[in-house]
C-alpha atoms as a PDB file:
ATOM      1  CA  MET A   1       2.601 -59.811   2.253  1.00  0.00           C
ATOM      2  CA  ALA A   2       1.425 -60.877   5.814  1.00  0.00           C
ATOM      3  CA  ARG A   3      -2.134 -61.137   6.615  1.00  0.00           C
ATOM      4  CA  PRO A   4      -3.422 -58.453   8.944  1.00  0.00           C
ATOM      5  CA  HIS A   5      -5.397 -60.750  10.604  1.00  0.00           C
ATOM      6  CA  SER A   6      -2.500 -63.390  11.186  1.00  0.00           C
ATOM      7  CA  THR A   7      -0.473 -60.598  12.629  1.00  0.00           C
ATOM      8  CA  ARG A   8      -3.194 -59.323  15.094  1.00  0.00           C
ATOM      9  CA  ASN A   9      -3.575 -63.200  16.364  1.00  0.00           C
ATOM     10  CA  THR A  10      -0.123 -63.657  16.953  1.00  0.00           C
ATOM     11  CA  ILE A  11       0.117 -60.188  18.797  1.00  0.00           C
ATOM     12  CA  ALA A  12      -2.962 -61.257  20.756  1.00  0.00           C
ATOM     13  CA  ALA A  13      -1.592 -64.909  21.822  1.00  0.00           C
ATOM     14  CA  LEU A  14       1.570 -63.516  22.830  1.00  0.00           C
ATOM     15  CA  ILE A  15      -0.137 -60.902  25.218  1.00  0.00           C
ATOM     16  CA  LEU A  16      -2.681 -63.791  26.530  1.00  0.00           C
ATOM     17  CA  LEU A  17       0.156 -65.866  27.291  1.00  0.00           C
ATOM     18  CA  GLY A  18       2.241 -63.328  28.762  1.00  0.00           C
ATOM     19  CA  ILE A  19      -0.302 -62.204  31.143  1.00  0.00           C
ATOM     20  CA  ALA A  20      -0.751 -66.108  31.841  1.00  0.00           C
ATOM     21  CA  VAL A  21       2.921 -66.697  32.789  1.00  0.00           C
ATOM     22  CA  VAL A  22       2.607 -63.733  35.219  1.00  0.00           C
ATOM     23  CA  ILE A  23      -0.564 -64.777  37.040  1.00  0.00           C
ATOM     24  CA  LEU A  24       0.303 -68.338  37.193  1.00  0.00           C
ATOM     25  CA  ALA A  25       3.953 -67.548  38.562  1.00  0.00           C
ATOM     26  CA  SER A  26       2.153 -65.026  41.058  1.00  0.00           C
ATOM     27  CA  LEU A  27       0.022 -67.903  42.291  1.00  0.00           C
ATOM     28  CA  GLY A  28       2.852 -70.206  42.862  1.00  0.00           C
ATOM     29  CA  GLN A  29       4.530 -67.476  44.887  1.00  0.00           C
ATOM     30  CA  TRP A  30       1.568 -66.958  47.006  1.00  0.00           C
ATOM     31  CA  GLN A  31       1.519 -70.623  47.611  1.00  0.00           C
ATOM     32  CA  LEU A  32       5.109 -70.592  48.910  1.00  0.00           C
ATOM     33  CA  ARG A  33       4.187 -67.367  50.874  1.00  0.00           C
ATOM     34  CA  ARG A  34       1.282 -69.449  52.520  1.00  0.00           C
ATOM     35  CA  SER A  35       3.779 -72.139  52.890  1.00  0.00           C
ATOM     36  CA  ASP A  36       6.171 -70.100  55.015  1.00  0.00           C
ATOM     37  CA  GLU A  37       3.097 -68.746  57.260  1.00  0.00           C
ATOM     38  CA  ARG A  38       2.414 -72.431  57.931  1.00  0.00           C
ATOM     39  CA  ARG A  39       5.876 -73.328  58.680  1.00  0.00           C
ATOM     40  CA  ALA A  40       6.152 -70.233  61.330  1.00  0.00           C
ATOM     41  CA  ILE A  41       2.709 -71.021  62.729  1.00  0.00           C
ATOM     42  CA  LEU A  42       4.124 -75.080  63.335  1.00  0.00           C
ATOM     43  CA  ALA A  43       7.117 -73.612  64.729  1.00  0.00           C
ATOM     44  CA  ALA A  44       5.713 -71.220  67.185  1.00  0.00           C
ATOM     45  CA  ILE A  45       3.208 -74.209  68.495  1.00  0.00           C
ATOM     46  CA  GLU A  46       5.927 -76.552  68.776  1.00  0.00           C
ATOM     47  CA  ALA A  47       8.036 -73.960  70.569  1.00  0.00           C
ATOM     48  CA  GLY A  48       5.313 -72.971  72.984  1.00  0.00           C
ATOM     49  CA  ARG A  49       4.371 -76.352  73.771  1.00  0.00           C
ATOM     50  CA  LYS A  50       8.036 -77.292  74.536  1.00  0.00           C
ATOM     51  CA  GLN A  51       8.228 -74.910  77.403  1.00  0.00           C
ATOM     52  CA  ALA A  52       7.703 -75.264  80.973  1.00  0.00           C
ATOM     53  CA  PRO A  53       4.262 -74.618  82.295  1.00  0.00           C
ATOM     54  CA  VAL A  54       3.629 -71.215  83.914  1.00  0.00           C
ATOM     55  CA  MET A  55       1.426 -69.923  86.562  1.00  0.00           C
ATOM     56  CA  LEU A  56      -0.798 -67.018  85.558  1.00  0.00           C
ATOM     57  CA  THR A  57      -0.702 -64.534  88.291  1.00  0.00           C
ATOM     58  CA  PRO A  58      -0.896 -60.559  88.037  1.00  0.00           C
ATOM     59  CA  ALA A  59       3.186 -60.231  88.250  1.00  0.00           C
ATOM     60  CA  THR A  60       3.693 -62.840  85.402  1.00  0.00           C
ATOM     61  CA  PRO A  61       6.321 -61.263  83.052  1.00  0.00           C
ATOM     62  CA  SER A  62       5.091 -60.522  79.616  1.00  0.00           C
ATOM     63  CA  ASP A  63       8.197 -62.654  78.130  1.00  0.00           C
ATOM     64  CA  ASP A  64       6.461 -65.787  79.869  1.00  0.00           C
ATOM     65  CA  LEU A  65       3.098 -65.034  77.864  1.00  0.00           C
ATOM     66  CA  THR A  66       3.906 -67.516  75.463  1.00  0.00           C
ATOM     67  CA  PRO A  67       1.473 -68.501  72.577  1.00  0.00           C
ATOM     68  CA  TRP A  68       0.596 -71.915  73.056  1.00  0.00           C
ATOM     69  CA  ARG A  69       2.400 -72.430  76.026  1.00  0.00           C
ATOM     70  CA  VAL A  70       0.934 -74.671  78.792  1.00  0.00           C
ATOM     71  CA  ALA A  71      -0.230 -72.370  81.658  1.00  0.00           C
ATOM     72  CA  GLN A  72      -2.395 -72.669  84.985  1.00  0.00           C
ATOM     73  CA  ALA A  73      -4.305 -69.920  86.907  1.00  0.00           C
ATOM     74  CA  THR A  74      -5.765 -69.806  90.081  1.00  0.00           C
ATOM     75  CA  GLY A  75      -8.460 -67.654  91.008  1.00  0.00           C
ATOM     76  CA  ALA A  76     -12.700 -67.302  91.374  1.00  0.00           C
ATOM     77  CA  TRP A  77     -14.801 -67.637  88.311  1.00  0.00           C
ATOM     78  CA  LEU A  78     -16.919 -64.097  87.262  1.00  0.00           C
ATOM     79  CA  PRO A  79     -19.848 -65.858  85.859  1.00  0.00           C
ATOM     80  CA  GLN A  80     -21.783 -62.476  85.545  1.00  0.00           C
ATOM     81  CA  PHE A  81     -19.211 -61.368  82.883  1.00  0.00           C
ATOM     82  CA  SER A  82     -19.859 -64.638  80.421  1.00  0.00           C
ATOM     83  CA  VAL A  83     -20.120 -64.334  76.794  1.00  0.00           C
ATOM     84  CA  LEU A  84     -21.106 -66.585  74.381  1.00  0.00           C
ATOM     85  CA  LEU A  85     -18.993 -66.889  71.065  1.00  0.00           C
ATOM     86  CA  ASP A  86     -21.252 -67.454  68.569  1.00  0.00           C
ATOM     87  CA  ASN A  87     -21.070 -69.583  65.301  1.00  0.00           C
ATOM     88  CA  ARG A  88     -18.354 -71.889  66.764  1.00  0.00           C
ATOM     89  CA  ASN A  89     -18.731 -75.203  65.220  1.00  0.00           C
ATOM     90  CA  HIS A  90     -17.480 -78.673  66.443  1.00  0.00           C
ATOM     91  CA  GLU A  91     -17.546 -81.622  64.143  1.00  0.00           C
ATOM     92  CA  GLY A  92     -20.152 -80.023  62.044  1.00  0.00           C
ATOM     93  CA  ARG A  93     -22.733 -78.847  64.653  1.00  0.00           C
ATOM     94  CA  PRO A  94     -23.325 -75.393  65.515  1.00  0.00           C
ATOM     95  CA  GLY A  95     -22.894 -74.087  68.690  1.00  0.00           C
ATOM     96  CA  TYR A  96     -21.007 -71.360  70.830  1.00  0.00           C
ATOM     97  CA  TRP A  97     -17.769 -71.192  72.982  1.00  0.00           C
ATOM     98  CA  LEU A  98     -18.159 -69.974  76.496  1.00  0.00           C
ATOM     99  CA  ALA A  99     -15.957 -67.286  77.820  1.00  0.00           C
ATOM    100  CA  THR A 100     -15.829 -66.675  81.452  1.00  0.00           C
ATOM    101  CA  PRO A 101     -13.095 -64.289  83.279  1.00  0.00           C
ATOM    102  CA  LEU A 102     -11.234 -65.986  86.205  1.00  0.00           C
ATOM    103  CA  LEU A 103     -10.368 -63.027  88.788  1.00  0.00           C
ATOM    104  CA  LEU A 104      -7.111 -63.609  89.871  1.00  0.00           C
ATOM    105  CA  ASP A 105      -6.861 -60.938  92.452  1.00  0.00           C
ATOM    106  CA  GLY A 106      -9.714 -59.139  94.062  1.00  0.00           C
ATOM    107  CA  ALA A 107      -8.088 -56.042  94.918  1.00  0.00           C
ATOM    108  CA  SER A 108      -6.918 -54.740  91.331  1.00  0.00           C
ATOM    109  CA  ARG A 109      -9.694 -56.667  89.564  1.00  0.00           C
ATOM    110  CA  GLN A 110      -7.046 -58.446  87.638  1.00  0.00           C
ATOM    111  CA  ALA A 111      -8.132 -61.219  85.857  1.00  0.00           C
ATOM    112  CA  VAL A 112      -7.644 -63.455  82.606  1.00  0.00           C
ATOM    113  CA  LEU A 113     -10.314 -64.499  79.963  1.00  0.00           C
ATOM    114  CA  VAL A 114     -10.811 -68.215  79.899  1.00  0.00           C
ATOM    115  CA  LEU A 115     -12.574 -70.271  77.057  1.00  0.00           C
ATOM    116  CA  ARG A 116     -14.246 -72.946  78.818  1.00  0.00           C
ATOM    117  CA  GLY A 117     -15.635 -74.781  76.064  1.00  0.00           C
ATOM    118  CA  TRP A 118     -18.045 -75.644  73.620  1.00  0.00           C
ATOM    119  CA  LEU A 119     -21.817 -76.070  73.615  1.00  0.00           C
ATOM    120  CA  PRO A 120     -24.318 -76.869  71.140  1.00  0.00           C
ATOM    121  CA  ARG A 121     -26.734 -74.000  69.559  1.00  0.00           C
ATOM    122  CA  VAL A 122     -30.434 -74.707  70.400  1.00  0.00           C
ATOM    123  CA  MET A 123     -33.185 -74.774  67.756  1.00  0.00           C
ATOM    124  CA  PRO A 124     -35.169 -71.346  67.051  1.00  0.00           C
ATOM    125  CA  GLY A 125     -38.039 -71.300  69.355  1.00  0.00           C
ATOM    126  CA  GLN A 126     -36.522 -73.470  72.144  1.00  0.00           C
ATOM    127  CA  GLY A 127     -35.071 -70.794  74.253  1.00  0.00           C
ATOM    128  CA  GLU A 128     -31.459 -69.925  75.739  1.00  0.00           C
ATOM    129  CA  PRO A 129     -28.781 -72.880  75.477  1.00  0.00           C
ATOM    130  CA  ALA A 130     -28.245 -74.871  78.749  1.00  0.00           C
ATOM    131  CA  LEU A 131     -25.499 -73.075  80.253  1.00  0.00           C
ATOM    132  CA  PRO A 132     -23.370 -75.186  82.753  1.00  0.00           C
ATOM    133  CA  ALA A 133     -23.036 -74.688  86.413  1.00  0.00           C
ATOM    134  CA  THR A 134     -20.029 -72.122  87.425  1.00  0.00           C
ATOM    135  CA  PRO A 135     -18.123 -73.906  90.470  1.00  0.00           C
ATOM    136  CA  GLN A 136     -17.707 -71.310  93.397  1.00  0.00           C
ATOM    137  CA  GLY A 137     -14.627 -70.726  95.341  1.00  0.00           C
ATOM    138  CA  SER A 138     -11.172 -70.925  94.214  1.00  0.00           C
ATOM    139  CA  GLN A 139     -10.349 -72.831  91.225  1.00  0.00           C
ATOM    140  CA  THR A 140      -7.191 -73.438  89.354  1.00  0.00           C
ATOM    141  CA  ILE A 141      -7.482 -73.927  85.635  1.00  0.00           C
ATOM    142  CA  THR A 142      -5.085 -75.401  83.115  1.00  0.00           C
ATOM    143  CA  GLY A 143      -4.951 -74.587  79.484  1.00  0.00           C
ATOM    144  CA  GLU A 144      -2.794 -73.161  76.439  1.00  0.00           C
ATOM    145  CA  MET A 145      -2.566 -69.557  76.123  1.00  0.00           C
ATOM    146  CA  ALA A 146      -3.144 -67.862  72.953  1.00  0.00           C
ATOM    147  CA  GLU A 147      -2.811 -64.165  71.750  1.00  0.00           C
ATOM    148  CA  ARG A 148      -6.339 -63.029  71.427  1.00  0.00           C
ATOM    149  CA  VAL A 149     -10.027 -65.299  70.993  1.00  0.00           C
ATOM    150  CA  PRO A 150      -9.877 -66.695  67.406  1.00  0.00           C
ATOM    151  CA  ARG A 151     -11.682 -64.782  65.147  1.00  0.00           C
ATOM    152  CA  MET A 152     -14.541 -65.393  63.210  1.00  0.00           C
ATOM    153  CA  PHE A 153     -15.449 -62.961  59.708  1.00  0.00           C
ATOM    154  CA  GLU A 154     -18.234 -60.699  60.234  1.00  0.00           C
ATOM    155  CA  LEU A 155     -20.250 -59.818  57.221  1.00  0.00           C
ATOM    156  CA  TRP A 156     -22.013 -56.620  58.823  1.00  0.00           C
ATOM    157  CA  SER A 157     -18.346 -55.281  59.282  1.00  0.00           C
ATOM    158  CA  LEU A 158     -18.283 -54.615  55.834  1.00  0.00           C
ATOM    159  CA  GLY A 159     -21.034 -52.216  56.043  1.00  0.00           C
ATOM    160  CA  GLY A 160     -19.610 -50.694  59.356  1.00  0.00           C
ATOM    161  CA  GLN A 161     -22.193 -51.861  61.503  1.00  0.00           C
ATOM    162  CA  ASP A 162     -21.632 -54.638  64.157  1.00  0.00           C
ATOM    163  CA  GLN A 163     -24.585 -56.314  65.457  1.00  0.00           C
ATOM    164  CA  SER A 164     -22.343 -58.180  67.865  1.00  0.00           C
ATOM    165  CA  ALA A 165     -21.242 -55.372  69.910  1.00  0.00           C
ATOM    166  CA  LEU A 166     -20.856 -55.554  73.827  1.00  0.00           C
ATOM    167  CA  PRO A 167     -22.625 -53.489  76.037  1.00  0.00           C
ATOM    168  CA  ALA A 168     -20.881 -49.963  76.649  1.00  0.00           C
ATOM    169  CA  THR A 169     -21.021 -51.076  80.227  1.00  0.00           C
ATOM    170  CA  TRP A 170     -21.859 -54.315  81.948  1.00  0.00           C
ATOM    171  CA  SER A 171     -24.501 -54.717  84.732  1.00  0.00           C
ATOM    172  CA  VAL A 172     -25.407 -58.386  83.912  1.00  0.00           C
ATOM    173  CA  THR A 173     -26.494 -60.210  87.075  1.00  0.00           C
ATOM    174  CA  GLY A 174     -28.161 -62.960  85.398  1.00  0.00           C
ATOM    175  CA  GLY A 175     -30.567 -64.178  82.548  1.00  0.00           C
ATOM    176  CA  LYS A 176     -29.476 -63.977  78.617  1.00  0.00           C
ATOM    177  CA  LEU A 177     -25.703 -63.785  78.048  1.00  0.00           C
ATOM    178  CA  PRO A 178     -24.505 -61.760  75.704  1.00  0.00           C
ATOM    179  CA  GLN A 179     -23.715 -63.480  72.052  1.00  0.00           C
ATOM    180  CA  VAL A 180     -21.119 -62.344  70.081  1.00  0.00           C
ATOM    181  CA  GLN A 181     -19.076 -63.425  66.793  1.00  0.00           C
ATOM    182  CA  ASN A 182     -15.824 -61.632  68.277  1.00  0.00           C
ATOM    183  CA  LEU A 183     -14.337 -60.641  71.402  1.00  0.00           C
ATOM    184  CA  PRO A 184     -11.666 -58.123  71.403  1.00  0.00           C
ATOM    185  CA  LEU A 185      -9.866 -58.144  74.610  1.00  0.00           C
ATOM    186  CA  ASP A 186      -9.608 -54.254  74.628  1.00  0.00           C
ATOM    187  CA  ALA A 187     -13.395 -53.877  74.292  1.00  0.00           C
ATOM    188  CA  TYR A 188     -14.308 -56.781  76.947  1.00  0.00           C
ATOM    189  CA  ALA A 189     -12.020 -55.356  79.432  1.00  0.00           C
ATOM    190  CA  ARG A 190     -13.614 -51.478  78.741  1.00  0.00           C
ATOM    191  CA  ALA A 191     -17.339 -53.322  79.143  1.00  0.00           C
ATOM    192  CA  THR A 192     -16.303 -55.419  81.973  1.00  0.00           C
ATOM    193  CA  GLY A 193     -13.786 -52.786  84.091  1.00  0.00           C
ATOM    194  CA  LEU A 194     -11.548 -55.846  84.568  1.00  0.00           C
ATOM    195  CA  HIS A 195      -7.897 -55.586  84.185  1.00  0.00           C
ATOM    196  CA  LEU A 196      -6.863 -58.476  81.991  1.00  0.00           C
ATOM    197  CA  LEU A 197      -3.792 -60.133  81.159  1.00  0.00           C
ATOM    198  CA  PRO A 198      -2.703 -59.774  77.389  1.00  0.00           C
ATOM    199  CA  VAL A 199      -3.822 -63.339  76.850  1.00  0.00           C
ATOM    200  CA  VAL A 200      -6.695 -65.584  76.550  1.00  0.00           C
ATOM    201  CA  LEU A 201      -6.406 -69.234  78.281  1.00  0.00           C
ATOM    202  CA  THR A 202      -8.107 -72.178  76.451  1.00  0.00           C
ATOM    203  CA  GLN A 203      -9.021 -74.451  79.132  1.00  0.00           C
ATOM    204  CA  THR A 204      -7.885 -78.142  78.293  1.00  0.00           C
ATOM    205  CA  GLY A 205      -8.245 -81.333  80.031  1.00  0.00           C
ATOM    206  CA  GLN A 206     -11.357 -84.012  79.523  1.00  0.00           C
ATOM    207  CA  ASN A 207     -14.705 -83.077  79.014  1.00  0.00           C
ATOM    208  CA  GLY A 208     -16.211 -83.039  82.193  1.00  0.00           C
ATOM    209  CA  ALA A 209     -19.508 -83.012  84.096  1.00  0.00           C
ATOM    210  CA  ASP A 210     -20.371 -79.329  83.015  1.00  0.00           C
ATOM    211  CA  GLY A 211     -21.153 -81.117  79.673  1.00  0.00           C
ATOM    212  CA  LEU A 212     -18.464 -78.687  77.767  1.00  0.00           C
ATOM    213  CA  VAL A 213     -16.469 -79.933  74.681  1.00  0.00           C
ATOM    214  CA  ARG A 214     -12.757 -79.077  75.053  1.00  0.00           C
ATOM    215  CA  ASP A 215     -11.633 -80.214  71.732  1.00  0.00           C
ATOM    216  CA  TRP A 216     -10.127 -76.849  70.206  1.00  0.00           C
ATOM    217  CA  PRO A 217      -9.619 -76.131  66.630  1.00  0.00           C
ATOM    218  CA  GLN A 218      -5.780 -76.146  65.585  1.00  0.00           C
ATOM    219  CA  PRO A 219      -4.564 -73.461  62.958  1.00  0.00           C
ATOM    220  CA  PRO A 220      -3.748 -75.485  59.685  1.00  0.00           C
ATOM    221  CA  VAL A 221      -0.171 -76.430  59.427  1.00  0.00           C
ATOM    222  CA  ASP A 222      -0.049 -78.411  56.683  1.00  0.00           C
ATOM    223  CA  PHE A 223       2.781 -76.853  54.632  1.00  0.00           C
ATOM    224  CA  GLN A 224       3.656 -79.256  52.523  1.00  0.00           C
ATOM    225  CA  LYS A 225       0.172 -79.065  50.502  1.00  0.00           C
ATOM    226  CA  ASN A 226       1.079 -75.541  49.954  1.00  0.00           C
ATOM    227  CA  THR A 227       4.491 -76.183  48.718  1.00  0.00           C
ATOM    228  CA  SER A 228       2.900 -79.149  46.441  1.00  0.00           C
ATOM    229  CA  TYR A 229       0.377 -76.394  44.774  1.00  0.00           C
ATOM    230  CA  ALA A 230       3.313 -73.928  44.448  1.00  0.00           C
ATOM    231  CA  VAL A 231       5.075 -76.387  42.448  1.00  0.00           C
ATOM    232  CA  GLN A 232       1.908 -76.976  40.066  1.00  0.00           C
ATOM    233  CA  TRP A 233       1.518 -73.406  39.512  1.00  0.00           C
ATOM    234  CA  PHE A 234       5.196 -73.028  38.700  1.00  0.00           C
ATOM    235  CA  ALA A 235       4.666 -75.966  36.072  1.00  0.00           C
ATOM    236  CA  PHE A 236       1.327 -74.370  34.486  1.00  0.00           C
ATOM    237  CA  ALA A 237       3.447 -71.077  34.309  1.00  0.00           C
ATOM    238  CA  SER A 238       6.319 -72.818  32.542  1.00  0.00           C
ATOM    239  CA  ILE A 239       4.264 -74.271  29.950  1.00  0.00           C
ATOM    240  CA  ALA A 240       2.607 -70.785  29.433  1.00  0.00           C
ATOM    241  CA  ALA A 241       5.952 -69.515  28.884  1.00  0.00           C
ATOM    242  CA  ILE A 242       7.136 -72.391  26.503  1.00  0.00           C
ATOM    243  CA  ALA A 243       3.920 -71.505  24.499  1.00  0.00           C
ATOM    244  CA  TRP A 244       5.004 -68.025  24.296  1.00  0.00           C
ATOM    245  CA  LEU A 245       8.426 -68.916  23.049  1.00  0.00           C
ATOM    246  CA  VAL A 246       6.770 -71.232  20.503  1.00  0.00           C
ATOM    247  CA  VAL A 247       4.213 -68.636  19.203  1.00  0.00           C
ATOM    248  CA  LEU A 248       7.254 -65.901  19.185  1.00  0.00           C
ATOM    249  CA  GLY A 249       9.580 -68.263  17.253  1.00  0.00           C
ATOM    250  CA  GLY A 250       6.890 -68.937  15.188  1.00  0.00           C
ATOM    251  CA  ALA A 251       6.116 -65.276  14.070  1.00  0.00           C
ATOM    252  CA  ILE A 252      10.200 -64.647  13.815  1.00  0.00           C
ATOM    253  CA  LYS A 253      10.363 -67.619  11.290  1.00  0.00           C
ATOM    254  CA  ARG A 254       7.478 -66.509   9.195  1.00  0.00           C
ATOM    255  CA  MET A 255       9.202 -62.989   9.101  1.00  0.00           C
ATOM    256  CA  ARG A 256      12.215 -64.158   8.113  1.00  0.00           C
ATOM    257  CA  GLN A 257      10.829 -66.656   5.177  1.00  0.00           C
ATOM    258  CA  ARG A 258       8.895 -63.746   3.475  1.00  0.00           C
ATOM    259  CA  ALA A 259      12.074 -61.213   3.927  1.00  0.00           C
ATOM    260  CA  GLY A 260      13.904 -63.783   2.088  1.00  0.00           C
ATOM    261  CA  GLN A 261      11.305 -64.025  -0.485  1.00  0.00           C
ATOM    262  CA  GLY A 262      11.760 -60.724  -1.338  1.00  0.00           C
ATOM    263  CA  PRO A 263       9.521 -58.654  -3.967  1.00  0.00           C
ATOM    264  CA  LYS A 264       9.042 -60.469  -7.362  1.00  0.00           C
ATOM    265  CA  PRO A 265      10.919 -59.332 -10.274  1.00  0.00           C
END
């Protein structure tokens, strides 16, 4: 007669091993999806950078506003609408990104938002960060286009309270700049009254006399690493599946042995 605790142990082992197979295989599939996503990002970067540079104007067709494509824009800076993007680190140092719109056409108030560069955070009690002077007159800026300002995760967004919201109306003419975690273009356009192109221009070129660092972070595109992780998870799932078959085979073998012995006369 089979011992009850032996049967229970076998069933528990089969259930646990089955769950392990499902979880490990799911992790492998997730890593494959991450690999595909990074492949797509890499392809988009390469495709954008292979395109010829484009000049941004109010009449630029939307089909030409390709992410990662090199672009130029000529206009006048609007420093009164500058924003500091907080928690943007560079080489382990905390700091900000300085974002300023470039006015392309005064009559229509058409502009493009430019990420001008990184500047370090000041220590508490040392005042405001030293902002670079904004050149006057017509300026020609070169950079790469992006769909939006790269987002940072906001802890307070979970509670429904955004402590970095832009002012409802913008009348800043000097002094302390707004500091935000994230900067959606639609909210920024409403606050400033500007008509923004649906792209952001990340200014490139050597770090100039303005003290801004233009070493922009790149999205992770190491899809080989995710593929390697997927192979590992699938290997673990295979081991768990083999163990499941071994346990099941042992249980069937014991059942047949007990059935072959039959009842004693």
